[in-house]
């Protein structure tokens, strides 16, 4: 089975509709709801034949979204955790937000709070109150989607532990993994425990059972597979044990990391960059595992569609009939012709469910 779907980025929507994604967008759910609905009305009107909607890259799922949902605290997972540790939120009017860097530089495990104490933070209290307000609103009847979730599927979303550590410690984490391995393991373990506490909390107060966890290990391609096995595999496996089945995201070339990934417990899905070998992935994980794969940015921004269609044909050949999902996040610089050509190609395949 092969499917295809995509999301529109903030950059695309800022260019198309002139929206500014300022602080108010992220912290005023009603304002965000109005903007989100207008973005999705635009997507439905502009691209009626394409499974495309407005959401975070690789996180929201079009099959579990509708306009009865209102997003509370819809901020990237590592940024929420960073703010709980003192980082400043840095919105960007025309693209994704960020936080001030280095909130854990110079700190050790003893300097970190008990993960459960994070629930007393004023930011978590704010999100809790906003959720209660939506739940108690008898006129709108909206469904609150809490922080660390992006739709009603119950799939929690977190950043990978190494990726989060890089956000909080900077590139120095990669040296620390060699020079101070136990400190690095301790900090990544704490990050995993903190994510677990937060995901469970928001699932409980919204009565949204956790069905799985998306783990965005965006930094995986920056180290070798031996470091993945030593630092990422154990703590990520613990999350899979405590929260549920895992979907691992690795956006860079990940062919050399596949054997290490295979050692993660309760891993049921991979979300890979478009230059990872799908044939090697199938060799290791089999055809039943759902693979998500994204086209290369240079192919999506190309003036002509030749390169993206060549890529797609190669991916389908390597996939060899496996369970495959082609996904993409449309940035403002991308050529819509490439997206439409890719969609049309997938629709022609015998096992397509596009």
Protein backbone atom coordinates (compact mmCIF):
# COMPACT_ATOMS: atom_id res chain seq x y z
CA UNK A 1 0.00 0.00 0.00
CA UNK A 2 1.23 3.49 -0.89
CA UNK A 3 -0.30 6.78 0.23
CA UNK A 4 0.73 10.42 -0.11
CA UNK A 5 -0.10 13.48 1.97
CA UNK A 6 1.46 16.77 2.93
CA UNK A 7 1.36 19.76 5.22
CA UNK A 8 1.62 23.45 4.51
CA UNK A 9 4.24 25.38 6.48
CA UNK A 10 3.91 28.67 8.31
CA UNK A 11 6.16 30.21 5.68
CA UNK A 12 3.76 29.14 2.94
CA UNK A 13 0.75 30.53 4.80
CA UNK A 14 2.49 33.80 5.62
CA UNK A 15 3.25 34.27 1.94
CA UNK A 16 -0.19 33.17 0.73
CA UNK A 17 -2.44 34.87 3.29
CA UNK A 18 -0.19 37.37 5.04
CA UNK A 19 -0.50 35.85 8.52
CA UNK A 20 2.01 36.66 11.25
CA UNK A 21 2.77 33.81 13.60
CA UNK A 22 3.59 35.96 16.60
CA UNK A 23 3.45 35.14 20.31
CA UNK A 24 -0.30 35.62 20.42
CA UNK A 25 -0.78 32.89 17.83
CA UNK A 26 0.86 30.31 20.10
CA UNK A 27 -0.59 31.38 23.44
CA UNK A 28 -4.15 32.47 22.54
CA UNK A 29 -6.02 29.30 21.46
CA UNK A 30 -9.05 31.13 20.09
CA UNK A 31 -6.92 33.37 17.91
CA UNK A 32 -4.95 30.37 16.73
CA UNK A 33 -8.15 28.46 15.99
CA UNK A 34 -9.38 31.21 13.66
CA UNK A 35 -6.05 31.34 11.81
CA UNK A 36 -5.75 27.55 11.60
CA UNK A 37 -9.25 27.29 10.13
CA UNK A 38 -8.50 29.95 7.53
CA UNK A 39 -5.26 28.16 6.61
CA UNK A 40 -7.10 24.88 6.12
CA UNK A 41 -9.92 26.53 4.19
CA UNK A 42 -7.22 27.88 1.89
CA UNK A 43 -5.66 24.43 1.51
CA UNK A 44 -8.99 22.79 0.68
CA UNK A 45 -9.91 25.50 -1.83
CA UNK A 46 -6.49 25.87 -3.46
CA UNK A 47 -5.57 22.18 -3.65
CA UNK A 48 -8.82 20.19 -3.87
CA UNK A 49 -7.20 17.14 -5.47
CA UNK A 50 -4.25 16.91 -3.08
CA UNK A 51 -4.22 15.47 0.46
CA UNK A 52 -2.72 18.63 1.89
CA UNK A 53 -3.51 20.60 5.05
CA UNK A 54 -1.92 23.05 7.45
CA UNK A 55 0.02 21.51 10.34
CA UNK A 56 3.47 20.97 11.81
CA UNK A 57 5.93 19.07 9.65
CA UNK A 58 5.62 15.28 10.10
CA UNK A 59 3.42 15.67 13.19
CA UNK A 60 -0.23 16.34 12.27
CA UNK A 61 -2.08 13.63 10.33
CA UNK A 62 -4.72 14.61 7.81
CA UNK A 63 -6.83 11.51 8.49
CA UNK A 64 -7.24 12.54 12.14
CA UNK A 65 -7.91 16.24 11.69
CA UNK A 66 -11.05 18.33 11.28
CA UNK A 67 -12.17 21.85 12.15
CA UNK A 68 -13.79 20.81 15.42
CA UNK A 69 -10.29 20.61 16.94
CA UNK A 70 -8.60 23.50 18.71
CA UNK A 71 -4.87 23.31 19.36
CA UNK A 72 -3.66 24.23 22.85
CA UNK A 73 0.05 24.85 23.38
CA UNK A 74 0.86 23.81 19.82
CA UNK A 75 4.58 24.43 20.16
CA UNK A 76 7.39 22.09 19.15
CA UNK A 77 8.06 19.58 21.97
CA UNK A 78 11.66 20.49 22.73
CA UNK A 79 10.73 24.15 22.90
CA UNK A 80 8.07 23.50 25.55
CA UNK A 81 10.53 21.52 27.62
CA UNK A 82 13.17 24.20 27.08
CA UNK A 83 10.82 26.91 28.34
CA UNK A 84 10.17 24.84 31.45
CA UNK A 85 13.94 24.98 32.03
CA UNK A 86 14.15 28.75 31.58
CA UNK A 87 14.61 29.25 27.84
CA UNK A 88 12.89 32.21 26.22
CA UNK A 89 10.26 31.68 23.53
CA UNK A 90 11.26 33.37 20.27
CA UNK A 91 8.40 33.64 17.73
CA UNK A 92 9.09 34.35 14.06
CA UNK A 93 6.37 36.14 12.12
CA UNK A 94 6.86 34.23 8.88
CA UNK A 95 8.31 30.86 9.89
CA UNK A 96 8.58 28.42 12.78
CA UNK A 97 9.26 29.71 16.28
CA UNK A 98 12.37 28.92 18.31
CA UNK A 99 13.74 29.26 21.84
CA UNK A 100 16.88 30.88 23.19
CA UNK A 101 19.75 28.39 23.03
CA UNK A 102 21.77 26.69 25.71
CA UNK A 103 19.37 26.38 28.64
CA UNK A 104 21.35 23.41 30.04
CA UNK A 105 24.90 24.53 29.30
CA UNK A 106 27.09 23.91 32.34
CA UNK A 107 24.46 21.87 34.16
CA UNK A 108 24.51 18.30 35.43
CA UNK A 109 21.78 15.88 36.43
CA UNK A 110 21.80 17.20 40.02
CA UNK A 111 20.87 20.65 38.70
CA UNK A 112 17.71 19.41 37.01
CA UNK A 113 14.29 19.34 38.69
CA UNK A 114 12.33 16.19 39.38
CA UNK A 115 10.37 15.66 36.13
CA UNK A 116 7.05 15.50 38.00
CA UNK A 117 7.68 18.97 39.43
CA UNK A 118 7.44 20.38 35.89
CA UNK A 119 3.68 20.00 36.17
CA UNK A 120 3.66 22.85 38.70
CA UNK A 121 5.27 25.27 36.24
CA UNK A 122 3.15 28.29 35.34
CA UNK A 123 3.37 27.40 31.64
CA UNK A 124 1.81 23.99 32.26
CA UNK A 125 -0.78 25.63 34.51
CA UNK A 126 -1.64 28.01 31.66
CA UNK A 127 -2.13 25.19 29.18
CA UNK A 128 -4.19 23.23 31.74
CA UNK A 129 -6.49 26.21 32.28
CA UNK A 130 -6.91 26.78 28.54
CA UNK A 131 -7.86 23.12 28.12
CA UNK A 132 -10.45 23.39 30.91
CA UNK A 133 -11.94 26.50 29.31
CA UNK A 134 -12.48 24.65 26.04
CA UNK A 135 -13.89 21.61 27.82
CA UNK A 136 -16.36 23.79 29.75
CA UNK A 137 -17.49 25.80 26.71
CA UNK A 138 -20.99 24.55 25.97
CA UNK A 139 -21.41 26.73 22.86
CA UNK A 140 -18.40 26.02 20.66
CA UNK A 141 -18.15 22.28 21.46
CA UNK A 142 -14.54 22.12 20.30
CA UNK A 143 -12.15 19.26 20.99
CA UNK A 144 -8.94 20.45 22.71
CA UNK A 145 -5.74 19.04 21.24
CA UNK A 146 -3.18 19.37 24.06
CA UNK A 147 0.56 20.06 23.98
CA UNK A 148 2.63 17.15 22.63
CA UNK A 149 -0.30 16.03 20.43
CA UNK A 150 -1.42 17.39 17.04
CA UNK A 151 -4.70 15.59 16.29
CA UNK A 152 -7.16 13.08 17.78
CA UNK A 153 -5.12 9.99 16.85
CA UNK A 154 -3.56 9.78 20.30
CA UNK A 155 -0.06 9.81 18.85
CA UNK A 156 2.15 11.79 21.21
CA UNK A 157 5.03 13.74 19.68
CA UNK A 158 8.43 14.43 21.21
CA UNK A 159 11.85 15.31 19.95
CA UNK A 160 14.50 12.66 20.17
CA UNK A 161 16.63 12.72 23.30
CA UNK A 162 19.87 13.50 21.49
CA UNK A 163 18.14 16.15 19.37
CA UNK A 164 16.72 17.76 22.49
CA UNK A 165 20.09 17.61 24.21
CA UNK A 166 21.64 19.40 21.23
CA UNK A 167 18.96 22.09 21.51
CA UNK A 168 19.71 22.62 25.19
CA UNK A 169 23.49 22.14 25.18
CA UNK A 170 24.49 23.14 21.66
CA UNK A 171 26.87 21.20 19.43
CA UNK A 172 29.02 20.58 22.49
CA UNK A 173 26.81 17.59 23.27
CA UNK A 174 28.55 15.63 20.53
CA UNK A 175 31.92 16.14 22.23
CA UNK A 176 30.37 15.45 25.63
CA UNK A 177 29.14 12.07 24.40
CA UNK A 178 32.80 11.13 23.97
CA UNK A 179 34.40 13.04 26.85
CA UNK A 180 31.60 12.79 29.45
CA UNK A 181 29.48 9.83 28.41
CA UNK A 182 27.77 9.26 31.76
CA UNK A 183 26.75 12.93 32.09
CA UNK A 184 25.35 12.80 28.56
CA UNK A 185 23.45 9.59 29.30
CA UNK A 186 22.07 11.07 32.52
CA UNK A 187 20.83 14.23 30.81
CA UNK A 188 19.23 12.31 27.92
CA UNK A 189 17.61 9.95 30.40
CA UNK A 190 16.18 12.91 32.31
CA UNK A 191 14.86 14.41 29.08
CA UNK A 192 13.09 11.11 28.29
CA UNK A 193 11.56 10.96 31.76
CA UNK A 194 10.38 14.58 31.47
CA UNK A 195 8.71 13.93 28.11
CA UNK A 196 7.00 10.86 29.57
CA UNK A 197 5.59 12.83 32.50
CA UNK A 198 4.34 15.63 30.25
CA UNK A 199 2.76 13.36 27.63
CA UNK A 200 0.95 11.33 30.29
CA UNK A 201 -0.30 14.48 31.99
CA UNK A 202 -1.85 16.03 28.90
CA UNK A 203 -3.27 12.71 27.72
CA UNK A 204 -4.97 12.30 31.11
CA UNK A 205 -6.55 15.75 31.39
CA UNK A 206 -7.94 15.58 27.83
CA UNK A 207 -8.97 11.92 28.09
CA UNK A 208 -6.89 11.16 25.00
CA UNK A 209 -5.37 7.67 25.24
CA UNK A 210 -1.77 7.49 24.02
CA UNK A 211 -1.70 5.17 20.99
CA UNK A 212 1.95 5.71 20.07
CA UNK A 213 4.82 8.19 20.09
CA UNK A 214 6.51 10.08 17.28
CA UNK A 215 10.17 10.57 18.22
CA UNK A 216 11.86 13.24 16.12
CA UNK A 217 15.56 12.35 16.27
CA UNK A 218 16.56 15.02 13.76
CA UNK A 219 20.20 15.01 14.87
CA UNK A 220 20.74 11.29 14.27
CA UNK A 221 22.66 11.77 11.03
CA UNK A 222 25.22 13.97 12.80
CA UNK A 223 26.81 11.04 14.67
CA UNK A 224 27.83 7.50 13.82
CA UNK A 225 25.70 4.40 14.45
CA UNK A 226 27.83 3.40 17.45
CA UNK A 227 26.77 6.55 19.31
CA UNK A 228 23.16 6.00 18.28
CA UNK A 229 23.32 2.54 19.78
CA UNK A 230 24.95 3.72 22.99
CA UNK A 231 22.97 6.91 23.67
CA UNK A 232 19.73 6.87 21.68
CA UNK A 233 18.65 3.22 21.71
CA UNK A 234 18.35 2.57 25.49
CA UNK A 235 16.49 5.75 26.50
CA UNK A 236 14.25 5.68 23.42
CA UNK A 237 13.40 2.04 24.12
CA UNK A 238 12.39 3.07 27.64
CA UNK A 239 9.93 5.59 26.16
CA UNK A 240 8.53 2.85 23.93
CA UNK A 241 8.03 0.67 26.99
CA UNK A 242 6.38 3.38 29.09
CA UNK A 243 4.29 5.25 26.52
CA UNK A 244 3.65 2.94 23.58
CA UNK A 245 4.72 2.00 20.04
CA UNK A 246 7.32 4.25 18.47
CA UNK A 247 7.60 6.06 15.15
CA UNK A 248 11.19 7.21 14.74
CA UNK A 249 11.96 10.23 12.56
CA UNK A 250 15.43 10.71 11.10
CA UNK A 251 15.41 13.38 8.42
CA UNK A 252 18.97 13.12 7.13
CA UNK A 253 20.67 10.27 5.23
CA UNK A 254 20.13 7.36 7.62
CA UNK A 255 21.17 4.23 5.74
CA UNK A 256 24.19 3.65 8.00
CA UNK A 257 22.00 3.96 11.10
CA UNK A 258 19.34 1.40 10.21
CA UNK A 259 20.91 -1.50 12.09
CA UNK A 260 21.20 0.66 15.20
CA UNK A 261 17.58 1.78 14.84
CA UNK A 262 16.51 -1.87 14.62
CA UNK A 263 17.63 -2.36 18.22
CA UNK A 264 15.07 0.12 19.57
CA UNK A 265 12.35 -1.78 21.40
CA UNK A 266 8.70 -1.32 20.35
CA UNK A 267 9.66 0.43 17.12
CA UNK A 268 6.79 0.01 14.64
CA UNK A 269 7.39 2.77 12.07
CA UNK A 270 10.20 4.81 10.52
CA UNK A 271 10.00 8.33 9.07
CA UNK A 272 13.04 8.81 6.83
CA UNK A 273 14.70 11.37 4.64
CA UNK A 274 14.50 10.89 0.91
CA UNK A 275 18.17 9.96 0.49
CA UNK A 276 17.98 6.92 2.78
CA UNK A 277 18.08 3.54 1.07
CA UNK A 278 14.56 2.12 1.11
CA UNK A 279 15.80 -1.26 -0.17
CA UNK A 280 18.18 -1.53 2.77
CA UNK A 281 15.41 -0.46 5.12
CA UNK A 282 13.15 -3.19 3.76
CA UNK A 283 15.96 -5.72 4.05
CA UNK A 284 16.28 -4.98 7.77
CA UNK A 285 12.69 -4.22 8.79
CA UNK A 286 10.59 -6.14 6.24
CA UNK A 287 7.70 -5.02 4.07
CA UNK A 288 5.04 -4.84 6.77
CA UNK A 289 6.58 -1.93 8.70
CA UNK A 290 5.12 1.42 7.70
CA UNK A 291 7.82 3.63 6.21
CA UNK A 292 7.27 7.35 5.73
CA UNK A 293 9.67 8.99 3.30
CA UNK A 294 10.01 12.63 2.28
CA UNK A 295 11.16 14.01 -1.08
CA UNK A 296 14.39 15.98 -1.18
CA UNK A 297 13.99 19.77 -0.77
CA UNK A 298 15.95 20.51 -3.94
CA UNK A 299 13.55 18.35 -5.95
CA UNK A 300 10.50 20.07 -4.48
CA UNK A 301 11.85 23.54 -5.25
CA UNK A 302 13.04 22.64 -8.78
CA UNK A 303 11.53 24.47 -11.75
CA UNK A 304 10.77 21.20 -13.53
CA UNK A 305 9.26 17.96 -12.25
CA UNK A 306 11.79 15.55 -13.79
CA UNK A 307 13.96 15.14 -10.69
CA UNK A 308 11.12 14.53 -8.23
CA UNK A 309 9.51 11.97 -10.54
CA UNK A 310 12.84 10.21 -10.98
CA UNK A 311 13.21 10.12 -7.20
CA UNK A 312 9.69 8.77 -6.75
CA UNK A 313 10.18 5.98 -9.30
CA UNK A 314 13.41 4.96 -7.57
CA UNK A 315 11.73 4.91 -4.15
CA UNK A 316 8.81 2.81 -5.39
CA UNK A 317 11.19 0.32 -7.02
CA UNK A 318 13.25 -0.02 -3.84
CA UNK A 319 10.12 -0.30 -1.70
CA UNK A 320 9.17 -3.55 -3.45
CA UNK A 321 5.51 -3.48 -2.48
CA UNK A 322 6.02 -2.55 1.17
CA UNK A 323 3.76 -0.39 3.33
CA UNK A 324 4.83 3.12 2.26
CA UNK A 325 3.71 6.67 2.97
CA UNK A 326 5.12 9.57 0.95
CA UNK A 327 4.92 12.73 3.05
CA UNK A 328 6.15 16.27 2.56
CA UNK A 329 6.09 19.68 4.25
CA UNK A 330 5.54 22.46 1.73
CA UNK A 331 7.79 25.45 2.35
CA UNK A 332 7.22 28.81 0.69
CA UNK A 333 10.04 28.25 -1.80
CA UNK A 334 8.68 24.95 -3.10
CA UNK A 335 7.16 24.60 -6.56
CA UNK A 336 3.56 23.43 -6.35
CA UNK A 337 3.98 21.78 -9.76
CA UNK A 338 6.37 19.26 -8.20
CA UNK A 339 3.86 18.43 -5.47
CA UNK A 340 1.03 17.93 -7.94
CA UNK A 341 3.22 15.83 -10.26
CA UNK A 342 4.32 13.64 -7.35
CA UNK A 343 0.71 13.20 -6.23
CA UNK A 344 -0.45 12.28 -9.73
CA UNK A 345 2.37 9.75 -10.03
CA UNK A 346 1.49 8.03 -6.75
CA UNK A 347 -2.17 7.89 -7.76
CA UNK A 348 -1.27 5.87 -10.86
CA UNK A 349 0.45 3.09 -8.91
CA UNK A 350 -1.42 -0.25 -8.64
CA UNK A 351 -1.22 -0.33 -4.83
CA UNK A 352 -1.98 3.36 -4.34
CA UNK A 353 -4.55 4.52 -1.82
CA UNK A 354 -3.89 8.21 -2.47
